[in-house]
C-alpha atoms as a PDB file:
ATOM      1  CA  MET A   1     -11.874 -39.363  30.689  1.00  0.00           C
ATOM      2  CA  GLY A   2     -10.273 -36.523  28.830  1.00  0.00           C
ATOM      3  CA  ARG A   3      -6.991 -37.051  27.088  1.00  0.00           C
ATOM      4  CA  ARG A   4      -4.016 -35.776  29.023  1.00  0.00           C
ATOM      5  CA  ASN A   5      -2.102 -33.013  27.334  1.00  0.00           C
ATOM      6  CA  ASP A   6       1.620 -33.496  28.034  1.00  0.00           C
ATOM      7  CA  SER A   7       2.760 -30.886  25.526  1.00  0.00           C
ATOM      8  CA  LYS A   8       4.836 -28.053  26.912  1.00  0.00           C
ATOM      9  CA  PRO A   9       3.371 -24.555  26.788  1.00  0.00           C
ATOM     10  CA  LEU A  10       4.613 -22.478  23.891  1.00  0.00           C
ATOM     11  CA  LYS A  11       7.102 -19.788  24.752  1.00  0.00           C
ATOM     12  CA  PRO A  12       5.994 -16.292  23.834  1.00  0.00           C
ATOM     13  CA  LYS A  13       7.599 -14.957  20.687  1.00  0.00           C
ATOM     14  CA  THR A  14      10.265 -12.384  21.277  1.00  0.00           C
ATOM     15  CA  ASP A  15      11.058  -9.330  19.248  1.00  0.00           C
ATOM     16  CA  PRO A  16      13.665 -10.451  16.675  1.00  0.00           C
ATOM     17  CA  THR A  17      15.415  -7.107  17.073  1.00  0.00           C
ATOM     18  CA  GLU A  18      16.141  -7.932  20.720  1.00  0.00           C
ATOM     19  CA  GLY A  19      17.625 -11.419  20.295  1.00  0.00           C
ATOM     20  CA  THR A  20      21.210 -12.629  20.466  1.00  0.00           C
ATOM     21  CA  ASP A  21      21.714 -12.158  16.721  1.00  0.00           C
ATOM     22  CA  ALA A  22      20.525  -8.559  16.961  1.00  0.00           C
ATOM     23  CA  ALA A  23      22.963  -7.903  19.797  1.00  0.00           C
ATOM     24  CA  ILE A  24      25.818  -9.249  17.678  1.00  0.00           C
ATOM     25  CA  ILE A  25      24.766  -7.099  14.714  1.00  0.00           C
ATOM     26  CA  ARG A  26      24.496  -4.001  16.905  1.00  0.00           C
ATOM     27  CA  GLU A  27      27.960  -4.584  18.307  1.00  0.00           C
ATOM     28  CA  SER A  28      29.372  -5.062  14.796  1.00  0.00           C
ATOM     29  CA  LEU A  29      27.774  -1.813  13.596  1.00  0.00           C
ATOM     30  CA  ARG A  30      28.668   0.227  16.692  1.00  0.00           C
ATOM     31  CA  PRO A  31      32.013   1.588  15.342  1.00  0.00           C
ATOM     32  CA  TYR A  32      30.210   3.116  12.359  1.00  0.00           C
ATOM     33  CA  ALA A  33      27.814   5.197  14.519  1.00  0.00           C
ATOM     34  CA  ILE A  34      25.064   4.878  11.897  1.00  0.00           C
ATOM     35  CA  ALA A  35      22.360   6.281  14.187  1.00  0.00           C
ATOM     36  CA  ASP A  36      24.427   9.427  14.807  1.00  0.00           C
ATOM     37  CA  LYS A  37      25.114   9.811  11.081  1.00  0.00           C
ATOM     38  CA  LEU A  38      21.395   9.555  10.295  1.00  0.00           C
ATOM     39  CA  ARG A  39      20.575  12.262  12.827  1.00  0.00           C
ATOM     40  CA  THR A  40      23.427  14.483  11.611  1.00  0.00           C
ATOM     41  CA  LEU A  41      22.258  14.285   7.982  1.00  0.00           C
ATOM     42  CA  ARG A  42      18.748  15.367   8.953  1.00  0.00           C
ATOM     43  CA  LEU A  43      19.783  18.184  11.290  1.00  0.00           C
ATOM     44  CA  ARG A  44      22.250  19.634   8.803  1.00  0.00           C
ATOM     45  CA  ARG A  45      19.323  20.146   6.450  1.00  0.00           C
ATOM     46  CA  SER A  46      17.218  21.626   9.282  1.00  0.00           C
ATOM     47  CA  MET A  47      14.697  18.889   8.529  1.00  0.00           C
ATOM     48  CA  GLY A  48      12.174  17.485  10.995  1.00  0.00           C
ATOM     49  CA  LEU A  49      11.272  13.812  11.287  1.00  0.00           C
ATOM     50  CA  ALA A  50       7.863  14.447   9.707  1.00  0.00           C
ATOM     51  CA  GLN A  51       9.469  16.170   6.717  1.00  0.00           C
ATOM     52  CA  LEU A  52      11.975  13.341   6.251  1.00  0.00           C
ATOM     53  CA  ALA A  53       9.097  10.870   6.492  1.00  0.00           C
ATOM     54  CA  GLU A  54       7.408  12.583   3.526  1.00  0.00           C
ATOM     55  CA  HIS A  55      10.557  12.199   1.416  1.00  0.00           C
ATOM     56  CA  THR A  56      11.283   8.572   2.341  1.00  0.00           C
ATOM     57  CA  GLY A  57       7.850   7.047   2.869  1.00  0.00           C
ATOM     58  CA  PHE A  58       8.910   5.822   6.336  1.00  0.00           C
ATOM     59  CA  SER A  59       6.977   6.802   9.455  1.00  0.00           C
ATOM     60  CA  PRO A  60       8.395   9.437  11.849  1.00  0.00           C
ATOM     61  CA  ALA A  61       8.299   6.802  14.614  1.00  0.00           C
ATOM     62  CA  MET A  62      10.454   4.419  12.577  1.00  0.00           C
ATOM     63  CA  LEU A  63      12.933   7.183  11.728  1.00  0.00           C
ATOM     64  CA  SER A  64      13.142   8.127  15.403  1.00  0.00           C
ATOM     65  CA  ARG A  65      13.965   4.523  16.346  1.00  0.00           C
ATOM     66  CA  LEU A  66      16.692   4.447  13.688  1.00  0.00           C
ATOM     67  CA  GLU A  67      18.247   7.667  14.981  1.00  0.00           C
ATOM     68  CA  ASN A  68      18.157   6.446  18.575  1.00  0.00           C
ATOM     69  CA  GLY A  69      19.722   3.100  17.699  1.00  0.00           C
ATOM     70  CA  ARG A  70      16.653   1.113  18.752  1.00  0.00           C
ATOM     71  CA  LEU A  71      16.103  -0.286  15.251  1.00  0.00           C
ATOM     72  CA  ILE A  72      18.742  -1.939  13.069  1.00  0.00           C
ATOM     73  CA  PRO A  73      18.548  -0.365   9.591  1.00  0.00           C
ATOM     74  CA  THR A  74      18.390  -2.555   6.500  1.00  0.00           C
ATOM     75  CA  LEU A  75      20.337  -1.714   3.343  1.00  0.00           C
ATOM     76  CA  PRO A  76      17.147  -0.745   1.409  1.00  0.00           C
ATOM     77  CA  THR A  77      16.222   1.603   4.275  1.00  0.00           C
ATOM     78  CA  LEU A  78      19.648   3.256   4.271  1.00  0.00           C
ATOM     79  CA  THR A  79      19.550   3.493   0.465  1.00  0.00           C
ATOM     80  CA  ARG A  80      16.231   5.381   0.518  1.00  0.00           C
ATOM     81  CA  ILE A  81      17.528   7.817   3.144  1.00  0.00           C
ATOM     82  CA  ALA A  82      20.858   8.196   1.330  1.00  0.00           C
ATOM     83  CA  LEU A  83      19.037   9.244  -1.856  1.00  0.00           C
ATOM     84  CA  VAL A  84      17.198  12.005  -0.006  1.00  0.00           C
ATOM     85  CA  PHE A  85      20.482  13.472   1.238  1.00  0.00           C
ATOM     86  CA  SER A  86      22.476  12.650  -1.922  1.00  0.00           C
ATOM     87  CA  VAL A  87      25.070  10.523  -0.164  1.00  0.00           C
ATOM     88  CA  GLY A  88      26.330   7.044  -0.982  1.00  0.00           C
ATOM     89  CA  LEU A  89      25.922   3.997   1.227  1.00  0.00           C
ATOM     90  CA  ASP A  90      29.637   4.246   1.972  1.00  0.00           C
ATOM     91  CA  TYR A  91      28.826   7.350   4.046  1.00  0.00           C
ATOM     92  CA  PHE A  92      27.274   5.099   6.700  1.00  0.00           C
ATOM     93  CA  PHE A  93      30.083   2.534   6.689  1.00  0.00           C
ATOM     94  CA  SER A  94      33.163   4.744   6.376  1.00  0.00           C
ATOM     95  CA  ASP A  95      35.615   5.646   9.105  1.00  0.00           C
ATOM     96  CA  PRO A  96      34.712   9.225  10.140  1.00  0.00           C
ATOM     97  CA  ARG A  97      38.435  10.023  10.276  1.00  0.00           C
ATOM     98  CA  LYS A  98      38.845   9.200   6.573  1.00  0.00           C
ATOM     99  CA  ARG A  99      36.868  11.640   4.446  1.00  0.00           C
ATOM    100  CA  HIS A 100      36.871  11.984   0.665  1.00  0.00           C
ATOM    101  CA  THR A 101      38.682  15.111  -0.473  1.00  0.00           C
ATOM    102  CA  VAL A 102      38.496  14.171  -4.166  1.00  0.00           C
ATOM    103  CA  ALA A 103      35.552  12.223  -5.551  1.00  0.00           C
ATOM    104  CA  VAL A 104      34.749  11.321  -9.146  1.00  0.00           C
ATOM    105  CA  VAL A 105      31.209  10.406 -10.209  1.00  0.00           C
ATOM    106  CA  ARG A 106      31.049   8.712 -13.606  1.00  0.00           C
ATOM    107  CA  ARG A 107      28.131   9.397 -15.913  1.00  0.00           C
ATOM    108  CA  ASN A 108      26.652   5.922 -15.439  1.00  0.00           C
ATOM    109  CA  GLU A 109      27.035   6.107 -11.637  1.00  0.00           C
ATOM    110  CA  ARG A 110      24.814   9.120 -10.952  1.00  0.00           C
ATOM    111  CA  LYS A 111      22.034   8.667  -8.415  1.00  0.00           C
ATOM    112  CA  ILE A 112      18.727   9.670 -10.025  1.00  0.00           C
ATOM    113  CA  PHE A 113      15.637  10.470  -8.002  1.00  0.00           C
ATOM    114  CA  PRO A 114      12.234  12.052  -8.703  1.00  0.00           C
ATOM    115  CA  SER A 115      10.769  15.073  -6.989  1.00  0.00           C
ATOM    116  CA  ASP A 116       8.145  12.808  -5.395  1.00  0.00           C
ATOM    117  CA  PRO A 117       8.978   9.074  -5.156  1.00  0.00           C
ATOM    118  CA  LYS A 118       5.272   8.219  -4.756  1.00  0.00           C
ATOM    119  CA  SER A 119       4.097  10.005  -7.895  1.00  0.00           C
ATOM    120  CA  ALA A 120       4.068   8.572 -11.413  1.00  0.00           C
ATOM    121  CA  ARG A 121       4.044  12.086 -12.917  1.00  0.00           C
ATOM    122  CA  VAL A 122       6.760  14.339 -11.572  1.00  0.00           C
ATOM    123  CA  PRO A 123       7.861  17.841 -12.640  1.00  0.00           C
ATOM    124  CA  TRP A 124      11.572  17.066 -12.393  1.00  0.00           C
ATOM    125  CA  HIS A 125      14.304  14.483 -11.968  1.00  0.00           C
ATOM    126  CA  PHE A 126      17.660  15.233 -10.358  1.00  0.00           C
ATOM    127  CA  GLU A 127      20.952  13.410 -10.906  1.00  0.00           C
ATOM    128  CA  SER A 128      23.369  13.813  -8.003  1.00  0.00           C
ATOM    129  CA  LEU A 129      26.844  14.807  -9.187  1.00  0.00           C
ATOM    130  CA  ASP A 130      28.603  14.655  -5.819  1.00  0.00           C
ATOM    131  CA  PHE A 131      26.950  11.903  -3.773  1.00  0.00           C
ATOM    132  CA  ARG A 132      30.323  10.274  -3.071  1.00  0.00           C
ATOM    133  CA  VAL A 133      31.538  13.277  -1.070  1.00  0.00           C
ATOM    134  CA  ASN A 134      31.003  13.159   2.680  1.00  0.00           C
ATOM    135  CA  ASP A 135      30.352  16.349   4.663  1.00  0.00           C
ATOM    136  CA  ARG A 136      30.154  18.482   1.531  1.00  0.00           C
ATOM    137  CA  LYS A 137      29.362  22.182   1.740  1.00  0.00           C
ATOM    138  CA  LEU A 138      27.071  22.239  -1.311  1.00  0.00           C
ATOM    139  CA  ASN A 139      25.043  19.876  -3.490  1.00  0.00           C
ATOM    140  CA  GLY A 140      25.408  19.653  -7.263  1.00  0.00           C
ATOM    141  CA  TYR A 141      22.776  18.214  -9.610  1.00  0.00           C
ATOM    142  CA  LEU A 142      22.061  17.779 -13.289  1.00  0.00           C
ATOM    143  CA  ALA A 143      18.337  18.539 -13.356  1.00  0.00           C
ATOM    144  CA  HIS A 144      15.704  17.642 -15.945  1.00  0.00           C
ATOM    145  CA  PHE A 145      12.466  19.646 -15.772  1.00  0.00           C
ATOM    146  CA  HIS A 146       9.313  18.346 -17.454  1.00  0.00           C
ATOM    147  CA  SER A 147       6.201  19.996 -18.858  1.00  0.00           C
ATOM    148  CA  LEU A 148       3.201  19.618 -16.545  1.00  0.00           C
ATOM    149  CA  PRO A 149       0.004  21.657 -16.098  1.00  0.00           C
ATOM    150  CA  GLN A 150       0.385  24.459 -13.566  1.00  0.00           C
ATOM    151  CA  ASP A 151      -2.222  22.939 -11.234  1.00  0.00           C
ATOM    152  CA  GLU A 152      -0.162  19.737 -10.891  1.00  0.00           C
ATOM    153  CA  LEU A 153       2.886  21.555  -9.540  1.00  0.00           C
ATOM    154  CA  GLU A 154       3.519  21.341  -5.795  1.00  0.00           C
ATOM    155  CA  PRO A 155       5.541  24.270  -4.358  1.00  0.00           C
ATOM    156  CA  HIS A 156       8.448  23.203  -2.176  1.00  0.00           C
ATOM    157  CA  TYR A 157      11.247  24.829  -0.203  1.00  0.00           C
ATOM    158  CA  HIS A 158      14.470  23.871   1.556  1.00  0.00           C
ATOM    159  CA  PRO A 159      17.088  25.619   3.712  1.00  0.00           C
ATOM    160  CA  GLY A 160      19.903  27.572   2.069  1.00  0.00           C
ATOM    161  CA  VAL A 161      20.212  29.113  -1.379  1.00  0.00           C
ATOM    162  CA  GLU A 162      19.964  27.771  -4.915  1.00  0.00           C
ATOM    163  CA  LEU A 163      21.839  28.604  -8.105  1.00  0.00           C
ATOM    164  CA  LEU A 164      20.385  27.309 -11.376  1.00  0.00           C
ATOM    165  CA  TYR A 165      22.046  27.532 -14.802  1.00  0.00           C
ATOM    166  CA  LEU A 166      19.796  26.515 -17.705  1.00  0.00           C
ATOM    167  CA  ILE A 167      21.712  24.433 -20.234  1.00  0.00           C
ATOM    168  CA  GLU A 168      18.914  23.598 -22.665  1.00  0.00           C
ATOM    169  CA  GLY A 169      15.235  24.456 -23.186  1.00  0.00           C
ATOM    170  CA  GLU A 170      12.858  27.091 -21.816  1.00  0.00           C
ATOM    171  CA  LEU A 171      12.040  27.038 -18.111  1.00  0.00           C
ATOM    172  CA  GLU A 172       9.401  28.756 -16.004  1.00  0.00           C
ATOM    173  CA  ILE A 173      10.238  29.084 -12.328  1.00  0.00           C
ATOM    174  CA  SER A 174       7.847  30.517  -9.749  1.00  0.00           C
ATOM    175  CA  ILE A 175       9.404  31.887  -6.547  1.00  0.00           C
ATOM    176  CA  GLY A 176       6.900  33.161  -4.012  1.00  0.00           C
ATOM    177  CA  VAL A 177       4.507  35.396  -5.980  1.00  0.00           C
ATOM    178  CA  GLU A 178       6.991  36.028  -8.809  1.00  0.00           C
ATOM    179  CA  THR A 179       7.161  33.997 -12.036  1.00  0.00           C
ATOM    180  CA  ILE A 180      10.305  34.116 -14.180  1.00  0.00           C
ATOM    181  CA  GLN A 181      11.056  32.609 -17.584  1.00  0.00           C
ATOM    182  CA  LEU A 182      14.571  31.440 -18.414  1.00  0.00           C
ATOM    183  CA  SER A 183      16.187  30.545 -21.733  1.00  0.00           C
ATOM    184  CA  ALA A 184      19.270  28.426 -22.376  1.00  0.00           C
ATOM    185  CA  GLY A 185      22.319  30.221 -20.988  1.00  0.00           C
ATOM    186  CA  ASP A 186      20.353  32.127 -18.314  1.00  0.00           C
ATOM    187  CA  ALA A 187      21.048  31.704 -14.600  1.00  0.00           C
ATOM    188  CA  ILE A 188      19.142  32.490 -11.427  1.00  0.00           C
ATOM    189  CA  TYR A 189      20.146  32.687  -7.754  1.00  0.00           C
ATOM    190  CA  PHE A 190      17.524  32.765  -4.995  1.00  0.00           C
ATOM    191  CA  ASP A 191      16.739  32.048  -1.364  1.00  0.00           C
ATOM    192  CA  SER A 192      15.395  28.491  -1.492  1.00  0.00           C
ATOM    193  CA  MET A 193      13.405  28.950   1.728  1.00  0.00           C
ATOM    194  CA  GLN A 194      10.884  30.695  -0.528  1.00  0.00           C
ATOM    195  CA  LYS A 195       8.371  28.252  -1.961  1.00  0.00           C
ATOM    196  CA  HIS A 196       9.169  27.557  -5.603  1.00  0.00           C
ATOM    197  CA  THR A 197       8.186  25.390  -8.570  1.00  0.00           C
ATOM    198  CA  TYR A 198       9.710  24.593 -11.961  1.00  0.00           C
ATOM    199  CA  ARG A 199       7.990  23.869 -15.280  1.00  0.00           C
ATOM    200  CA  SER A 200       9.372  23.235 -18.755  1.00  0.00           C
ATOM    201  CA  LEU A 201       7.836  25.506 -21.395  1.00  0.00           C
ATOM    202  CA  VAL A 202       8.766  23.154 -24.238  1.00  0.00           C
ATOM    203  CA  ASP A 203       7.442  19.681 -25.031  1.00  0.00           C
ATOM    204  CA  SER A 204      10.789  18.085 -24.296  1.00  0.00           C
ATOM    205  CA  SER A 205      12.553  18.349 -20.953  1.00  0.00           C
ATOM    206  CA  CYS A 206      14.725  21.288 -19.924  1.00  0.00           C
ATOM    207  CA  THR A 207      18.207  20.545 -18.625  1.00  0.00           C
ATOM    208  CA  ALA A 208      19.974  22.621 -15.983  1.00  0.00           C
ATOM    209  CA  MET A 209      22.852  22.584 -13.547  1.00  0.00           C
ATOM    210  CA  VAL A 210      21.563  23.173 -10.013  1.00  0.00           C
ATOM    211  CA  ILE A 211      23.708  23.998  -6.986  1.00  0.00           C
ATOM    212  CA  THR A 212      22.115  24.128  -3.528  1.00  0.00           C
ATOM    213  CA  THR A 213      23.391  24.800  -0.041  1.00  0.00           C
ATOM    214  CA  GLY A 214      21.759  23.877   3.232  1.00  0.00           C
ATOM    215  CA  ALA A 215      21.991  25.074   6.803  1.00  0.00           C
ATOM    216  CA  GLN A 216      24.900  23.432   8.630  1.00  0.00           C
ATOM    217  CA  ARG A 217      24.817  22.476  12.308  1.00  0.00           C
END
């Protein structure tokens, strides 16, 4: 005779994001409206989910779930998205009625990010000078441009306009079909919806102050 199996059938595993703990977390986060803030950040830059996915390394489907409140964001996830939009984590957890009107960013507090987080060789690094400010009208950066072969440069564009003031070095900037060389003390203003690239013309990095604006919605 076969041995009787008195063990109870295993219950199917449930999605951990749908359990009691998840419900408690969602209720705790509800006053901060994180999903709405994520969507607002993206739309203010006139950025699609696919474009944001390229900058963060997350899939468009995952980003959509975050914006619709169907996925609870982790701190590393919010940090990666915050870097793209040059905001601090406090943006997601602050009372929307209490906005910074004065914000100081110390030298050792700047948020630094590469032009492409997946690439080991990048043409520039930006340091955000105003990431503590919520709902700002412009973005300020201390930029460092590196010397790379022309064929390794990837043209990019973004909504708004850009003002660049070269502090140190020699910089080549290509805007559309035009290529311009700048020396220390020179400045350039252009429509940043035109595809553009930067390249240092000296062995060491160039340093510049960069101000950008984006479309507001």
